[in-house]
Amino acid sequence: MKVLNIISLILIILGGLNWLSVGLFKYDVVSEIFGGTEEVGSRIVYIVVGVAALYALALFSKVASED
């Protein structure tokens, strides 16, 4: 499970950096790589990052209880 946690964290960080570039520079790295937001590759990346975020929500209670 530790590997899954690390992968999830990496995906969430990359997704957050992409949103930072969208907010600051109006530049979507994912859509630029895959040729647009409606392309299959972009949609897959967005879905995978979203699933990683949902997985991280499940970890929230575990992290909060470690204090």
PDB file of N, CA and C in Angstrom:
ATOM      1  N   MET A   1       0.814  -1.209   0.000  1.00  0.00           N
ATOM      2  CA  MET A   1       0.000   0.000   0.000  1.00  0.00           C
ATOM      3  C   MET A   1       0.850   1.262   0.000  1.00  0.00           C
ATOM      4  N   LYS A   2       2.053   1.158   0.547  1.00  0.00           N
ATOM      5  CA  LYS A   2       2.898   2.335   0.605  1.00  0.00           C
ATOM      6  C   LYS A   2       3.214   2.840  -0.805  1.00  0.00           C
ATOM      7  N   VAL A   3       3.440   1.930  -1.745  1.00  0.00           N
ATOM      8  CA  VAL A   3       3.734   2.330  -3.121  1.00  0.00           C
ATOM      9  C   VAL A   3       2.536   3.054  -3.719  1.00  0.00           C
ATOM     10  N   LEU A   4       1.338   2.546  -3.470  1.00  0.00           N
ATOM     11  CA  LEU A   4       0.126   3.190  -3.978  1.00  0.00           C
ATOM     12  C   LEU A   4      -0.033   4.592  -3.383  1.00  0.00           C
ATOM     13  N   ASN A   5       0.299   4.751  -2.116  1.00  0.00           N
ATOM     14  CA  ASN A   5       0.232   6.073  -1.481  1.00  0.00           C
ATOM     15  C   ASN A   5       1.203   7.044  -2.141  1.00  0.00           C
ATOM     16  N   ILE A   6       2.414   6.584  -2.434  1.00  0.00           N
ATOM     17  CA  ILE A   6       3.415   7.444  -3.062  1.00  0.00           C
ATOM     18  C   ILE A   6       2.997   7.821  -4.482  1.00  0.00           C
ATOM     19  N   ILE A   7       2.498   6.851  -5.233  1.00  0.00           N
ATOM     20  CA  ILE A   7       2.032   7.136  -6.597  1.00  0.00           C
ATOM     21  C   ILE A   7       0.894   8.134  -6.570  1.00  0.00           C
ATOM     22  N   SER A   8      -0.040   7.945  -5.649  1.00  0.00           N
ATOM     23  CA  SER A   8      -1.162   8.869  -5.516  1.00  0.00           C
ATOM     24  C   SER A   8      -0.675  10.280  -5.192  1.00  0.00           C
ATOM     25  N   LEU A   9       0.262  10.383  -4.281  1.00  0.00           N
ATOM     26  CA  LEU A   9       0.800  11.691  -3.911  1.00  0.00           C
ATOM     27  C   LEU A   9       1.495  12.362  -5.094  1.00  0.00           C
ATOM     28  N   ILE A  10       2.270  11.610  -5.838  1.00  0.00           N
ATOM     29  CA  ILE A  10       2.958  12.162  -7.008  1.00  0.00           C
ATOM     30  C   ILE A  10       1.949  12.666  -8.032  1.00  0.00           C
ATOM     31  N   LEU A  11       0.903  11.885  -8.296  1.00  0.00           N
ATOM     32  CA  LEU A  11      -0.116  12.296  -9.260  1.00  0.00           C
ATOM     33  C   LEU A  11      -0.845  13.557  -8.803  1.00  0.00           C
ATOM     34  N   ILE A  12      -1.141  13.646  -7.521  1.00  0.00           N
ATOM     35  CA  ILE A  12      -1.827  14.823  -6.999  1.00  0.00           C
ATOM     36  C   ILE A  12      -0.926  16.054  -7.108  1.00  0.00           C
ATOM     37  N   ILE A  13       0.357  15.893  -6.825  1.00  0.00           N
ATOM     38  CA  ILE A  13       1.291  17.018  -6.941  1.00  0.00           C
ATOM     39  C   ILE A  13       1.399  17.466  -8.396  1.00  0.00           C
ATOM     40  N   LEU A  14       1.529  16.513  -9.317  1.00  0.00           N
ATOM     41  CA  LEU A  14       1.612  16.882 -10.734  1.00  0.00           C
ATOM     42  C   LEU A  14       0.330  17.573 -11.204  1.00  0.00           C
ATOM     43  N   GLY A  15      -0.821  17.075 -10.747  1.00  0.00           N
ATOM     44  CA  GLY A  15      -2.084  17.717 -11.098  1.00  0.00           C
ATOM     45  C   GLY A  15      -2.170  19.122 -10.533  1.00  0.00           C
ATOM     46  N   GLY A  16      -1.692  19.298  -9.306  1.00  0.00           N
ATOM     47  CA  GLY A  16      -1.688  20.624  -8.694  1.00  0.00           C
ATOM     48  C   GLY A  16      -0.761  21.582  -9.428  1.00  0.00           C
ATOM     49  N   LEU A  17       0.392  21.088  -9.858  1.00  0.00           N
ATOM     50  CA  LEU A  17       1.312  21.940 -10.628  1.00  0.00           C
ATOM     51  C   LEU A  17       0.711  22.323 -11.979  1.00  0.00           C
ATOM     52  N   ASN A  18      -0.026  21.389 -12.584  1.00  0.00           N
ATOM     53  CA  ASN A  18      -0.703  21.716 -13.834  1.00  0.00           C
ATOM     54  C   ASN A  18      -1.733  22.821 -13.615  1.00  0.00           C
ATOM     55  N   TRP A  19      -2.515  22.717 -12.529  1.00  0.00           N
ATOM     56  CA  TRP A  19      -3.506  23.755 -12.239  1.00  0.00           C
ATOM     57  C   TRP A  19      -2.841  25.086 -11.898  1.00  0.00           C
ATOM     58  N   LEU A  20      -1.679  25.030 -11.271  1.00  0.00           N
ATOM     59  CA  LEU A  20      -0.926  26.255 -11.010  1.00  0.00           C
ATOM     60  C   LEU A  20      -0.536  26.934 -12.318  1.00  0.00           C
ATOM     61  N   SER A  21      -0.066  26.145 -13.277  1.00  0.00           N
ATOM     62  CA  SER A  21       0.302  26.735 -14.564  1.00  0.00           C
ATOM     63  C   SER A  21      -0.925  27.273 -15.304  1.00  0.00           C
ATOM     64  N   VAL A  22      -2.069  26.618 -15.131  1.00  0.00           N
ATOM     65  CA  VAL A  22      -3.305  27.127 -15.737  1.00  0.00           C
ATOM     66  C   VAL A  22      -3.691  28.457 -15.094  1.00  0.00           C
ATOM     67  N   GLY A  23      -3.612  28.509 -13.774  1.00  0.00           N
ATOM     68  CA  GLY A  23      -4.010  29.726 -13.059  1.00  0.00           C
ATOM     69  C   GLY A  23      -3.078  30.898 -13.299  1.00  0.00           C
ATOM     70  N   LEU A  24      -1.785  30.639 -13.326  1.00  0.00           N
ATOM     71  CA  LEU A  24      -0.825  31.737 -13.487  1.00  0.00           C
ATOM     72  C   LEU A  24      -0.596  32.141 -14.934  1.00  0.00           C
ATOM     73  N   PHE A  25      -0.525  31.140 -15.804  1.00  0.00           N
ATOM     74  CA  PHE A  25      -0.088  31.422 -17.172  1.00  0.00           C
ATOM     75  C   PHE A  25      -1.116  31.058 -18.235  1.00  0.00           C
ATOM     76  N   LYS A  26      -2.284  30.556 -17.814  1.00  0.00           N
ATOM     77  CA  LYS A  26      -3.313  30.087 -18.742  1.00  0.00           C
ATOM     78  C   LYS A  26      -2.728  29.060 -19.709  1.00  0.00           C
ATOM     79  N   TYR A  27      -1.903  28.166 -19.180  1.00  0.00           N
ATOM     80  CA  TYR A  27      -1.221  27.150 -19.979  1.00  0.00           C
ATOM     81  C   TYR A  27      -1.465  25.784 -19.351  1.00  0.00           C
ATOM     82  N   ASP A  28      -2.225  24.947 -20.027  1.00  0.00           N
ATOM     83  CA  ASP A  28      -2.549  23.608 -19.552  1.00  0.00           C
ATOM     84  C   ASP A  28      -1.543  22.630 -20.153  1.00  0.00           C
ATOM     85  N   VAL A  29      -0.628  22.170 -19.324  1.00  0.00           N
ATOM     86  CA  VAL A  29       0.446  21.288 -19.787  1.00  0.00           C
ATOM     87  C   VAL A  29      -0.119  19.988 -20.349  1.00  0.00           C
ATOM     88  N   VAL A  30      -1.094  19.400 -19.673  1.00  0.00           N
ATOM     89  CA  VAL A  30      -1.660  18.124 -20.109  1.00  0.00           C
ATOM     90  C   VAL A  30      -2.313  18.256 -21.479  1.00  0.00           C
ATOM     91  N   SER A  31      -3.133  19.266 -21.665  1.00  0.00           N
ATOM     92  CA  SER A  31      -3.792  19.416 -22.964  1.00  0.00           C
ATOM     93  C   SER A  31      -2.786  19.775 -24.053  1.00  0.00           C
ATOM     94  N   GLU A  32      -1.728  20.447 -23.692  1.00  0.00           N
ATOM     95  CA  GLU A  32      -0.682  20.772 -24.666  1.00  0.00           C
ATOM     96  C   GLU A  32       0.039  19.504 -25.118  1.00  0.00           C
ATOM     97  N   ILE A  33       0.301  18.607 -24.191  1.00  0.00           N
ATOM     98  CA  ILE A  33       0.989  17.353 -24.535  1.00  0.00           C
ATOM     99  C   ILE A  33       0.112  16.469 -25.413  1.00  0.00           C
ATOM    100  N   PHE A  34      -1.175  16.390 -25.080  1.00  0.00           N
ATOM    101  CA  PHE A  34      -2.061  15.462 -25.773  1.00  0.00           C
ATOM    102  C   PHE A  34      -2.899  16.104 -26.877  1.00  0.00           C
ATOM    103  N   GLY A  35      -2.755  17.390 -27.127  1.00  0.00           N
ATOM    104  CA  GLY A  35      -3.429  18.016 -28.250  1.00  0.00           C
ATOM    105  C   GLY A  35      -4.796  18.595 -27.954  1.00  0.00           C
ATOM    106  N   GLY A  36      -5.127  18.858 -26.720  1.00  0.00           N
ATOM    107  CA  GLY A  36      -6.399  19.475 -26.373  1.00  0.00           C
ATOM    108  C   GLY A  36      -7.057  18.770 -25.208  1.00  0.00           C
ATOM    109  N   THR A  37      -7.979  19.484 -24.569  1.00  0.00           N
ATOM    110  CA  THR A  37      -8.636  18.925 -23.384  1.00  0.00           C
ATOM    111  C   THR A  37      -9.631  17.826 -23.726  1.00  0.00           C
ATOM    112  N   GLU A  38     -10.110  17.792 -24.944  1.00  0.00           N
ATOM    113  CA  GLU A  38     -11.100  16.791 -25.340  1.00  0.00           C
ATOM    114  C   GLU A  38     -10.462  15.524 -25.892  1.00  0.00           C
ATOM    115  N   GLU A  39      -9.167  15.492 -26.033  1.00  0.00           N
ATOM    116  CA  GLU A  39      -8.487  14.304 -26.553  1.00  0.00           C
ATOM    117  C   GLU A  39      -8.493  13.190 -25.511  1.00  0.00           C
ATOM    118  N   VAL A  40      -8.463  11.962 -25.979  1.00  0.00           N
ATOM    119  CA  VAL A  40      -8.552  10.795 -25.105  1.00  0.00           C
ATOM    120  C   VAL A  40      -7.398  10.786 -24.094  1.00  0.00           C
ATOM    121  N   GLY A  41      -6.184  11.090 -24.530  1.00  0.00           N
ATOM    122  CA  GLY A  41      -5.035  11.085 -23.630  1.00  0.00           C
ATOM    123  C   GLY A  41      -5.200  12.065 -22.481  1.00  0.00           C
ATOM    124  N   SER A  42      -5.662  13.262 -22.795  1.00  0.00           N
ATOM    125  CA  SER A  42      -5.884  14.273 -21.758  1.00  0.00           C
ATOM    126  C   SER A  42      -6.944  13.818 -20.780  1.00  0.00           C
ATOM    127  N   ARG A  43      -8.015  13.272 -21.302  1.00  0.00           N
ATOM    128  CA  ARG A  43      -9.104  12.823 -20.431  1.00  0.00           C
ATOM    129  C   ARG A  43      -8.641  11.701 -19.511  1.00  0.00           C
ATOM    130  N   ILE A  44      -7.813  10.796 -20.022  1.00  0.00           N
ATOM    131  CA  ILE A  44      -7.297   9.710 -19.194  1.00  0.00           C
ATOM    132  C   ILE A  44      -6.434  10.264 -18.069  1.00  0.00           C
ATOM    133  N   VAL A  45      -5.565  11.221 -18.392  1.00  0.00           N
ATOM    134  CA  VAL A  45      -4.707  11.824 -17.362  1.00  0.00           C
ATOM    135  C   VAL A  45      -5.560  12.514 -16.310  1.00  0.00           C
ATOM    136  N   TYR A  46      -6.556  13.292 -16.735  1.00  0.00           N
ATOM    137  CA  TYR A  46      -7.427  13.979 -15.777  1.00  0.00           C
ATOM    138  C   TYR A  46      -8.155  12.975 -14.881  1.00  0.00           C
ATOM    139  N   ILE A  47      -8.622  11.875 -15.461  1.00  0.00           N
ATOM    140  CA  ILE A  47      -9.338  10.855 -14.685  1.00  0.00           C
ATOM    141  C   ILE A  47      -8.402  10.189 -13.683  1.00  0.00           C
ATOM    142  N   VAL A  48      -7.192   9.839 -14.105  1.00  0.00           N
ATOM    143  CA  VAL A  48      -6.237   9.183 -13.212  1.00  0.00           C
ATOM    144  C   VAL A  48      -5.869  10.096 -12.046  1.00  0.00           C
ATOM    145  N   VAL A  49      -5.654  11.383 -12.322  1.00  0.00           N
ATOM    146  CA  VAL A  49      -5.340  12.339 -11.254  1.00  0.00           C
ATOM    147  C   VAL A  49      -6.544  12.484 -10.313  1.00  0.00           C
ATOM    148  N   GLY A  50      -7.749  12.512 -10.870  1.00  0.00           N
ATOM    149  CA  GLY A  50      -8.952  12.594 -10.038  1.00  0.00           C
ATOM    150  C   GLY A  50      -9.138  11.370  -9.155  1.00  0.00           C
ATOM    151  N   VAL A  51      -8.871  10.190  -9.685  1.00  0.00           N
ATOM    152  CA  VAL A  51      -8.963   8.963  -8.892  1.00  0.00           C
ATOM    153  C   VAL A  51      -7.911   8.982  -7.783  1.00  0.00           C
ATOM    154  N   ALA A  52      -6.715   9.490  -8.085  1.00  0.00           N
ATOM    155  CA  ALA A  52      -5.675   9.619  -7.059  1.00  0.00           C
ATOM    156  C   ALA A  52      -6.130  10.556  -5.944  1.00  0.00           C
ATOM    157  N   ALA A  53      -6.825  11.622  -6.309  1.00  0.00           N
ATOM    158  CA  ALA A  53      -7.334  12.551  -5.303  1.00  0.00           C
ATOM    159  C   ALA A  53      -8.408  11.885  -4.438  1.00  0.00           C
ATOM    160  N   LEU A  54      -9.269  11.090  -5.051  1.00  0.00           N
ATOM    161  CA  LEU A  54     -10.283  10.360  -4.273  1.00  0.00           C
ATOM    162  C   LEU A  54      -9.616   9.364  -3.332  1.00  0.00           C
ATOM    163  N   TYR A  55      -8.595   8.706  -3.802  1.00  0.00           N
ATOM    164  CA  TYR A  55      -7.849   7.777  -2.951  1.00  0.00           C
ATOM    165  C   TYR A  55      -7.222   8.532  -1.779  1.00  0.00           C
ATOM    166  N   ALA A  56      -6.679   9.710  -2.046  1.00  0.00           N
ATOM    167  CA  ALA A  56      -6.064  10.511  -0.984  1.00  0.00           C
ATOM    168  C   ALA A  56      -7.101  10.954   0.046  1.00  0.00           C
ATOM    169  N   LEU A  57      -8.334  11.188  -0.382  1.00  0.00           N
ATOM    170  CA  LEU A  57      -9.400  11.511   0.577  1.00  0.00           C
ATOM    171  C   LEU A  57      -9.598  10.373   1.564  1.00  0.00           C
ATOM    172  N   ALA A  58      -9.490   9.144   1.080  1.00  0.00           N
ATOM    173  CA  ALA A  58      -9.633   7.992   1.966  1.00  0.00           C
ATOM    174  C   ALA A  58      -8.478   7.924   2.964  1.00  0.00           C
ATOM    175  N   LEU A  59      -7.314   8.419   2.577  1.00  0.00           N
ATOM    176  CA  LEU A  59      -6.155   8.425   3.465  1.00  0.00           C
ATOM    177  C   LEU A  59      -6.211   9.543   4.498  1.00  0.00           C
ATOM    178  N   PHE A  60      -7.051  10.513   4.284  1.00  0.00           N
ATOM    179  CA  PHE A  60      -7.105  11.681   5.158  1.00  0.00           C
ATOM    180  C   PHE A  60      -7.366  11.294   6.612  1.00  0.00           C
ATOM    181  N   SER A  61      -8.297  10.383   6.822  1.00  0.00           N
ATOM    182  CA  SER A  61      -8.604   9.975   8.203  1.00  0.00           C
ATOM    183  C   SER A  61      -7.423   9.236   8.823  1.00  0.00           C
ATOM    184  N   LYS A  62      -6.695   8.484   8.036  1.00  0.00           N
ATOM    185  CA  LYS A  62      -5.519   7.767   8.544  1.00  0.00           C
ATOM    186  C   LYS A  62      -4.419   8.748   8.961  1.00  0.00           C
ATOM    187  N   VAL A  63      -4.207   9.762   8.159  1.00  0.00           N
ATOM    188  CA  VAL A  63      -3.182  10.764   8.466  1.00  0.00           C
ATOM    189  C   VAL A  63      -3.596  11.582   9.684  1.00  0.00           C
ATOM    190  N   ALA A  64      -4.862  11.925   9.768  1.00  0.00           N
ATOM    191  CA  ALA A  64      -5.359  12.730  10.888  1.00  0.00           C
ATOM    192  C   ALA A  64      -5.277  11.960  12.209  1.00  0.00           C
ATOM    193  N   SER A  65      -5.428  10.645  12.178  1.00  0.00           N
ATOM    194  CA  SER A  65      -5.404   9.864  13.404  1.00  0.00           C
ATOM    195  C   SER A  65      -3.988   9.550  13.877  1.00  0.00           C
ATOM    196  N   GLU A  66      -2.957   9.839  13.094  1.00  0.00           N
ATOM    197  CA  GLU A  66      -1.579   9.575  13.488  1.00  0.00           C
ATOM    198  C   GLU A  66      -1.051  10.583  14.492  1.00  0.00           C
ATOM    199  N   ASP A  67      -1.742  11.677  14.705  1.00  0.00           N
ATOM    200  CA  ASP A  67      -1.275  12.707  15.666  1.00  0.00           C
ATOM    201  C   ASP A  67      -1.398  12.274  17.047  1.00  0.00           C
TER     202      ASP A  67
END
